[in-house]
């Protein structure tokens, strides 16, 4: 089954498409199943600072765009969300002192 393009997924999400074409629902479900294992973040509020520092060190040590792309490919959006949320909570907490 062929993967859907980002543009087609955006059309479907925006409801600009009156209906799914044959096979698109199956393709979407397949893509979601591939992504699903990444849903649970490995980063916790306690590990967020070291996660960000380690990520920054890896990026600084990279010697080519390909190395940075490989690092990016390994980073889960849910891990970044937890890290950013942790920093936002720390800022809010310190602002209220």
Protein backbone atom coordinates (compact mmCIF):
# COMPACT_ATOMS: atom_id res chain seq x y z
CA UNK A 1 0.00 0.00 0.00
CA UNK A 2 1.39 3.41 -0.96
CA UNK A 3 1.90 6.06 1.74
CA UNK A 4 -0.21 9.18 1.49
CA UNK A 5 1.55 12.46 0.78
CA UNK A 6 1.57 15.15 3.46
CA UNK A 7 -0.51 17.34 1.14
CA UNK A 8 -3.19 14.64 0.79
CA UNK A 9 -3.29 14.09 4.56
CA UNK A 10 -3.70 17.84 5.09
CA UNK A 11 -6.58 17.88 2.58
CA UNK A 12 -8.29 15.05 4.41
CA UNK A 13 -7.78 16.71 7.80
CA UNK A 14 -9.08 20.03 6.48
CA UNK A 15 -12.16 18.26 5.08
CA UNK A 16 -11.46 19.69 1.63
CA UNK A 17 -11.92 16.22 0.28
CA UNK A 18 -15.53 15.02 0.10
CA UNK A 19 -14.51 11.45 0.87
CA UNK A 20 -11.55 9.17 1.17
CA UNK A 21 -10.44 7.55 -2.06
CA UNK A 22 -10.29 3.77 -2.20
CA UNK A 23 -7.35 2.57 -0.14
CA UNK A 24 -6.67 5.86 1.63
CA UNK A 25 -8.31 4.77 4.87
CA UNK A 26 -6.19 1.62 4.87
CA UNK A 27 -3.05 3.63 4.12
CA UNK A 28 -3.83 6.08 6.94
CA UNK A 29 -4.44 3.23 9.38
CA UNK A 30 -1.15 1.59 8.37
CA UNK A 31 0.77 4.82 8.88
CA UNK A 32 -0.84 5.33 12.29
CA UNK A 33 0.12 1.82 13.37
CA UNK A 34 3.73 2.57 12.46
CA UNK A 35 3.64 5.76 14.54
CA UNK A 36 1.71 4.36 17.50
CA UNK A 37 4.68 2.78 19.32
CA UNK A 38 6.23 6.26 19.51
CA UNK A 39 3.22 7.76 21.28
CA UNK A 40 4.39 7.09 24.82
CA UNK A 41 7.17 9.53 25.62
CA UNK A 42 10.38 8.12 27.00
CA UNK A 43 11.24 11.51 28.47
CA UNK A 44 9.85 12.33 31.89
CA UNK A 45 9.76 15.73 33.61
CA UNK A 46 12.72 14.57 35.68
CA UNK A 47 14.79 13.52 32.65
CA UNK A 48 13.84 16.45 30.37
CA UNK A 49 16.82 18.70 31.19
CA UNK A 50 19.39 15.94 30.59
CA UNK A 51 17.49 14.85 27.46
CA UNK A 52 17.77 18.36 25.99
CA UNK A 53 21.44 18.70 26.98
CA UNK A 54 22.27 15.32 25.45
CA UNK A 55 20.40 16.22 22.26
CA UNK A 56 22.25 19.53 22.01
CA UNK A 57 25.60 17.75 22.52
CA UNK A 58 24.79 15.26 19.77
CA UNK A 59 23.88 18.07 17.38
CA UNK A 60 27.05 20.02 18.22
CA UNK A 61 29.16 16.90 17.63
CA UNK A 62 27.56 16.19 14.25
CA UNK A 63 29.88 16.69 11.31
CA UNK A 64 27.37 16.64 8.45
CA UNK A 65 23.75 17.43 7.63
CA UNK A 66 23.13 13.69 7.33
CA UNK A 67 24.23 13.15 10.93
CA UNK A 68 21.83 15.86 12.12
CA UNK A 69 19.02 14.32 10.04
CA UNK A 70 19.74 10.94 11.67
CA UNK A 71 19.54 12.53 15.13
CA UNK A 72 16.30 14.26 14.19
CA UNK A 73 14.81 10.99 12.92
CA UNK A 74 15.43 9.36 16.31
CA UNK A 75 13.74 12.15 18.29
CA UNK A 76 10.10 11.58 19.12
CA UNK A 77 7.70 14.52 19.00
CA UNK A 78 6.13 13.31 22.25
CA UNK A 79 9.55 13.44 23.95
CA UNK A 80 10.03 17.02 22.77
CA UNK A 81 6.52 17.92 23.95
CA UNK A 82 7.29 16.60 27.45
CA UNK A 83 10.60 18.49 27.53
CA UNK A 84 9.03 21.77 26.40
CA UNK A 85 6.12 21.33 28.84
CA UNK A 86 8.62 20.72 31.66
CA UNK A 87 10.46 23.94 30.87
CA UNK A 88 7.17 25.85 30.56
CA UNK A 89 6.05 24.58 33.98
CA UNK A 90 9.40 25.59 35.51
CA UNK A 91 9.07 29.08 34.03
CA UNK A 92 5.51 29.40 35.33
CA UNK A 93 6.51 28.14 38.79
CA UNK A 94 9.44 30.57 39.03
CA UNK A 95 7.28 33.44 37.75
CA UNK A 96 4.81 32.88 40.59
CA UNK A 97 7.44 33.20 43.34
